[in-house]
Protein backbone atom coordinates (compact mmCIF):
# COMPACT_ATOMS: atom_id res chain seq x y z
CA MET A 1 -118.02 95.25 78.47
CA GLU A 2 -115.21 94.17 80.79
CA VAL A 3 -115.98 92.82 84.24
CA GLU A 4 -114.78 95.23 86.93
CA ILE A 5 -114.28 94.78 90.65
CA ARG A 6 -117.44 96.84 91.26
CA HIS A 7 -119.48 94.21 89.45
CA LEU A 8 -118.10 91.48 91.70
CA ARG A 9 -118.71 93.52 94.84
CA ALA A 10 -122.28 94.26 93.78
CA PHE A 11 -123.11 90.62 93.04
CA ALA A 12 -121.39 89.32 96.19
CA ALA A 13 -123.27 91.78 98.42
CA VAL A 14 -126.66 90.82 96.95
CA ALA A 15 -125.88 87.10 97.15
CA ARG A 16 -124.76 87.36 100.78
CA HIS A 17 -127.70 89.46 101.93
CA ARG A 18 -130.29 87.78 99.69
CA SER A 19 -131.61 91.30 99.23
CA PHE A 20 -130.97 94.17 96.84
CA SER A 21 -132.07 96.77 99.39
CA ARG A 22 -129.74 95.57 102.16
CA ALA A 23 -126.86 95.19 99.71
CA ALA A 24 -127.44 98.72 98.43
CA GLN A 25 -127.25 100.02 102.00
CA GLU A 26 -123.96 98.20 102.57
CA LEU A 27 -122.42 99.53 99.36
CA LEU A 28 -123.86 103.04 99.79
CA VAL A 29 -125.51 103.04 96.36
CA THR A 30 -129.09 103.27 95.20
CA GLN A 31 -131.03 100.06 94.62
CA PRO A 32 -131.68 100.80 90.92
CA ALA A 33 -127.95 101.42 90.36
CA LEU A 34 -127.12 98.14 92.10
CA SER A 35 -129.66 96.24 89.98
CA ARG A 36 -128.15 97.68 86.79
CA THR A 37 -124.63 96.67 87.87
CA VAL A 38 -125.66 93.08 88.57
CA ALA A 39 -127.60 92.93 85.31
CA GLN A 40 -124.48 94.15 83.43
CA LEU A 41 -122.44 91.38 85.03
CA GLU A 42 -124.96 88.69 84.08
CA ALA A 43 -125.17 90.03 80.52
CA THR A 44 -121.40 90.06 80.14
CA LEU A 45 -121.02 86.52 81.48
CA GLY A 46 -124.05 85.25 79.60
CA VAL A 47 -125.36 83.39 82.64
CA ARG A 48 -128.08 84.03 85.19
CA LEU A 49 -126.50 84.40 88.63
CA LEU A 50 -129.56 85.33 90.73
CA GLU A 51 -133.15 84.16 90.87
CA ARG A 52 -135.36 87.12 91.63
CA THR A 53 -138.89 86.85 92.96
CA SER A 54 -141.15 89.42 94.56
CA ARG A 55 -140.28 88.04 98.00
CA ARG A 56 -136.61 87.06 97.89
CA VAL A 57 -133.37 86.80 95.92
CA GLU A 58 -131.41 83.54 95.71
CA PRO A 59 -128.20 82.63 93.86
CA THR A 60 -128.63 80.12 91.05
CA ASP A 61 -126.37 77.06 90.99
CA ALA A 62 -124.05 78.97 88.69
CA GLY A 63 -124.35 82.01 90.99
CA ALA A 64 -123.42 80.02 94.09
CA GLU A 65 -120.29 78.68 92.39
CA PHE A 66 -119.44 82.12 90.99
CA LEU A 67 -119.90 83.69 94.44
CA HIS A 68 -117.19 81.46 95.86
CA GLN A 69 -114.75 82.52 93.14
CA ALA A 70 -115.79 86.18 93.25
CA GLU A 71 -115.20 86.43 96.99
CA ARG A 72 -111.69 85.02 96.55
CA VAL A 73 -110.96 87.62 93.87
CA ILE A 74 -112.35 90.45 96.05
CA ALA A 75 -110.29 89.31 99.04
CA SER A 76 -107.14 89.10 96.91
CA PHE A 77 -107.81 92.53 95.43
CA ASP A 78 -108.37 94.12 98.86
CA HIS A 79 -105.21 92.48 100.18
CA ALA A 80 -103.22 93.90 97.26
CA LEU A 81 -104.59 97.39 97.97
CA THR A 82 -103.73 97.14 101.66
CA SER A 83 -100.22 95.96 100.88
CA ALA A 84 -99.67 98.78 98.41
CA ARG A 85 -100.96 101.39 100.85
CA ARG A 86 -98.58 100.17 103.52
CA LEU A 87 -95.76 101.02 101.14
CA GLY A 88 -97.08 104.56 100.76
CA VAL A 89 -95.15 107.37 102.43
CA LEU A 90 -96.32 110.95 102.82
CA ARG A 91 -93.56 113.50 103.49
CA LEU A 92 -94.70 116.24 105.87
CA GLY A 93 -92.59 119.40 105.93
CA PHE A 94 -92.47 121.92 108.78
CA SER A 95 -90.20 124.76 109.78
CA TRP A 96 -90.39 124.50 113.60
CA LEU A 97 -92.55 123.08 116.39
CA LEU A 98 -95.39 121.11 114.88
CA PRO A 99 -98.67 122.10 116.57
CA ALA A 100 -99.66 119.80 119.45
CA PRO A 101 -101.84 117.83 119.85
CA TRP A 102 -102.90 118.40 116.23
CA ALA A 103 -99.79 116.81 114.67
CA GLN A 104 -99.80 113.69 116.84
CA ARG A 105 -103.54 113.12 116.41
CA THR A 106 -103.42 113.71 112.65
CA VAL A 107 -100.47 111.39 111.98
CA LYS A 108 -101.93 108.62 114.15
CA ASP A 109 -105.39 108.76 112.54
CA PHE A 110 -103.94 109.01 109.02
CA GLU A 111 -101.61 106.04 109.46
CA GLN A 112 -104.29 103.89 111.10
CA SER A 113 -106.88 104.62 108.41
CA THR A 114 -104.61 104.29 105.34
CA GLY A 115 -101.80 101.91 106.28
CA ALA A 116 -99.40 104.51 104.86
CA SER A 117 -96.75 106.24 106.94
CA VAL A 118 -95.74 109.86 107.51
CA THR A 119 -92.13 111.01 107.52
CA LEU A 120 -91.32 114.35 109.13
CA SER A 121 -88.95 116.75 107.39
CA ARG A 122 -87.72 119.86 109.24
CA THR A 123 -86.88 122.61 106.77
CA ASP A 124 -86.32 126.34 107.13
CA ASP A 125 -88.53 127.09 104.13
CA PRO A 126 -91.43 124.61 103.66
CA LEU A 127 -92.68 126.39 100.52
CA GLU A 128 -89.28 126.03 98.87
CA ALA A 129 -89.22 122.36 99.92
CA LEU A 130 -92.57 121.88 98.15
CA HIS A 131 -91.24 123.48 94.97
CA ARG A 132 -88.16 121.23 95.14
CA ARG A 133 -90.52 118.28 95.79
CA THR A 134 -88.59 117.12 98.85
CA VAL A 135 -91.90 117.14 100.77
CA ASP A 136 -95.46 116.36 99.67
CA ILE A 137 -97.37 118.60 102.07
CA ALA A 138 -96.27 121.21 104.58
CA VAL A 139 -97.48 122.97 107.72
CA VAL A 140 -97.21 126.71 107.19
CA ARG A 141 -97.96 129.40 109.74
CA GLY A 142 -98.65 133.04 109.04
CA ASP A 143 -100.70 135.12 106.64
CA ARG A 144 -98.22 135.59 103.82
CA ASP A 145 -99.58 134.86 100.35
CA VAL A 146 -98.89 131.37 99.03
CA PRO A 147 -97.84 131.49 95.35
CA GLU A 148 -99.51 129.50 92.59
CA PRO A 149 -99.81 126.63 91.87
CA LEU A 150 -99.65 125.68 95.55
CA ARG A 151 -102.96 124.82 97.21
CA THR A 152 -103.84 125.91 100.76
CA VAL A 153 -106.09 124.40 103.42
CA TRP A 154 -106.79 126.50 106.53
CA LEU A 155 -106.76 124.50 109.79
CA TYR A 156 -107.20 126.97 112.64
CA ASP A 157 -105.80 130.18 114.15
CA GLU A 158 -103.29 130.56 116.99
CA PRO A 159 -103.07 133.56 119.34
CA ARG A 160 -99.88 135.63 119.22
CA PHE A 161 -97.55 136.32 122.16
CA ALA A 162 -94.66 138.72 122.58
CA VAL A 163 -91.40 137.09 123.64
CA CYS A 164 -88.45 138.82 125.21
CA ALA A 165 -85.29 138.18 127.21
CA ARG A 166 -85.51 137.67 130.97
CA GLU A 167 -83.63 140.98 131.44
CA SER A 168 -85.92 142.95 129.09
CA PRO A 169 -88.11 145.74 130.55
CA LEU A 170 -91.01 143.96 128.86
CA ALA A 171 -90.54 140.81 130.96
CA ASP A 172 -92.39 142.23 133.98
CA ARG A 173 -95.35 143.60 132.03
CA SER A 174 -98.73 141.89 132.17
CA HIS A 175 -99.41 142.48 128.48
CA LEU A 176 -98.35 144.40 125.38
CA ASP A 177 -100.76 145.99 122.93
CA TRP A 178 -100.36 145.05 119.27
CA GLY A 179 -100.26 148.72 118.31
CA ASP A 180 -97.36 149.36 120.72
CA VAL A 181 -95.04 146.74 119.20
CA ARG A 182 -93.71 149.40 116.82
CA HIS A 183 -92.04 151.16 119.76
CA TRP A 184 -89.78 148.14 120.36
CA ARG A 185 -86.93 146.73 118.30
CA LEU A 186 -88.47 143.73 116.51
CA ILE A 187 -86.48 140.58 115.77
CA VAL A 188 -87.76 138.80 112.67
CA ASN A 189 -87.11 135.37 111.22
CA THR A 190 -87.19 136.27 107.53
CA VAL A 191 -87.49 132.69 106.28
CA SER A 192 -90.08 130.95 108.48
CA GLY A 193 -91.24 133.65 110.87
CA THR A 194 -94.95 134.35 111.29
CA THR A 195 -94.64 138.03 112.17
CA GLY A 196 -92.68 140.79 110.48
CA PRO A 197 -93.12 144.33 109.19
CA TRP A 198 -95.59 142.93 106.66
CA SER A 199 -97.98 142.16 109.56
CA TRP A 200 -98.87 145.85 110.07
CA PRO A 201 -100.15 148.58 107.76
CA GLU A 202 -97.23 150.52 106.35
CA GLU A 203 -97.91 153.60 108.45
CA SER A 204 -97.81 151.67 111.76
CA ARG A 205 -94.99 149.21 111.11
CA PRO A 206 -92.05 148.82 113.51
CA LYS A 207 -89.07 150.75 112.15
CA ASP A 208 -86.25 149.11 114.11
CA ILE A 209 -85.87 145.60 112.68
CA VAL A 210 -83.26 142.89 113.33
CA GLU A 211 -83.36 140.12 110.73
CA THR A 212 -82.39 136.49 111.36
CA ALA A 213 -82.30 133.60 108.90
CA ASN A 214 -83.83 130.73 110.90
CA PHE A 215 -85.63 129.84 114.11
CA ASP A 216 -82.51 129.00 116.14
CA GLU A 217 -80.85 132.31 115.29
CA TRP A 218 -84.07 134.12 116.13
CA VAL A 219 -84.35 132.44 119.56
CA GLU A 220 -80.77 133.22 120.56
CA THR A 221 -81.06 136.82 119.35
CA VAL A 222 -84.17 137.38 121.48
CA ALA A 223 -82.54 135.61 124.45
CA ALA A 224 -79.55 137.97 124.13
CA ASP A 225 -81.94 140.92 124.65
CA ARG A 226 -81.33 142.39 121.18
CA GLY A 227 -85.06 143.09 120.85
CA ILE A 228 -88.43 141.36 121.12
CA GLY A 229 -90.18 138.78 118.97
CA ILE A 230 -93.76 137.82 118.20
CA VAL A 231 -94.70 134.13 118.12
CA PRO A 232 -97.75 131.85 118.00
CA GLU A 233 -98.98 130.20 121.19
CA THR A 234 -97.25 126.92 120.33
CA ALA A 235 -93.85 128.53 120.84
CA ARG A 236 -94.85 129.71 124.31
CA ASP A 237 -96.19 126.29 125.29
CA ARG A 238 -93.17 124.35 124.09
CA SER A 239 -90.16 126.65 124.38
CA PRO A 240 -87.46 125.14 126.61
CA HIS A 241 -85.23 128.23 126.64
CA PRO A 242 -84.81 129.50 130.24
CA ALA A 243 -83.79 132.99 129.12
CA LEU A 244 -87.10 133.77 127.39
CA ARG A 245 -90.25 135.33 128.81
CA PHE A 246 -93.66 135.38 127.09
CA VAL A 247 -96.08 138.29 127.38
CA PRO A 248 -99.72 138.24 126.19
CA LEU A 249 -100.54 140.49 123.25
CA THR A 250 -103.82 142.40 123.22
CA ASP A 251 -105.67 143.19 119.98
CA ALA A 252 -103.23 141.09 117.96
CA PRO A 253 -104.54 139.27 114.87
CA PRO A 254 -104.19 135.49 115.20
CA VAL A 255 -101.69 133.39 113.27
CA PRO A 256 -103.31 131.14 110.64
CA VAL A 257 -102.10 127.53 110.64
CA ARG A 258 -102.39 126.05 107.14
CA LEU A 259 -101.53 123.00 105.09
CA VAL A 260 -99.96 123.70 101.71
CA HIS A 261 -99.41 121.19 98.90
CA LEU A 262 -98.84 120.95 95.18
CA PRO A 263 -101.87 120.02 93.06
CA ASP A 264 -100.03 117.15 91.35
CA GLY A 265 -98.72 115.42 94.49
CA PRO A 266 -99.87 111.96 95.69
CA ARG A 267 -103.53 112.95 95.57
CA THR A 268 -105.12 110.11 97.50
CA LEU A 269 -102.65 110.31 100.38
CA ILE A 270 -102.87 114.10 100.48
CA ARG A 271 -106.68 114.01 100.50
CA ARG A 272 -106.74 111.49 103.34
CA PHE A 273 -104.15 113.49 105.29
CA VAL A 274 -106.17 116.68 104.83
CA ASP A 275 -109.30 114.89 106.07
CA ALA A 276 -107.47 113.68 109.19
CA SER A 277 -105.96 117.14 109.68
CA LEU A 278 -109.30 118.94 109.58
CA ALA A 279 -110.81 116.51 112.07
CA ALA A 280 -107.88 116.98 114.44
CA ALA A 281 -107.87 120.75 113.91
CA GLY A 282 -111.39 121.03 115.30
CA THR A 283 -110.22 119.44 118.55
CA SER A 284 -107.07 121.57 118.71
CA ALA A 285 -109.00 124.79 118.12
CA ALA A 286 -111.51 123.87 120.83
CA ARG A 287 -108.72 123.25 123.34
CA MET A 288 -107.09 126.52 122.38
CA ARG A 289 -110.37 128.40 122.99
CA GLU A 290 -110.70 126.72 126.40
CA ARG A 291 -107.22 127.90 127.42
CA THR A 292 -108.00 131.42 126.19
CA ASP A 293 -111.33 131.55 128.04
CA THR A 294 -109.80 130.40 131.32
């Protein structure tokens, strides 16, 4: 049997603590499993490293010398891992307006916990960017189906708002019902938009549709009073355009915010980013509920 880093960690923990139970707690393993690992190491080396009695555990002379060398190896190994992780880069794709404060919190926690870095890549079609492998993971809004083999992780839902030009008759209204959107000309971003004819049952879909190819075209078309749009709350909170007005929608289904990635991407980095994302999403969703309640 070859000696592995887990054997060195197990022995070093027992030798430091002078206890199998305390070492098992540190390593988050069971005491029998820890005892077997240390016994495997001693059998492989052909030397007794620990003296075990019913009351205590002490390193032998050989064990004390081996502990010094083992700790140097463990430290060197951990340093190599840290250095390698710092070279890791996760490419995050998004089409427009990353959710706040989710994005900032997620990136900060991910980079602090892994030593890797996140690069941001704005793209009109995040799903296409994933297929072209120009990004590793992407923020996707909306309820459109995500094709195989892409994997999806739901983060939280955003409320929808109607958006119109300052001169639009809708601008002075206190709200617009989701079922009444069909009576207005609807401007749709066909590439990265979250709302389109597909968002309604066929019998109640808006009939008058203006299609645009990206977010900037969509914004300017709405601002020119060519029709109305439907957007998630993030767009209302962060839109700098002075010609737009946002109107609450009643009875509108929320917009899912999801992470999408390929199954064969950098798995460890993706898993750690998803973990940080889910933790941050809980905070973001809570803040969103507070704003809705008040």
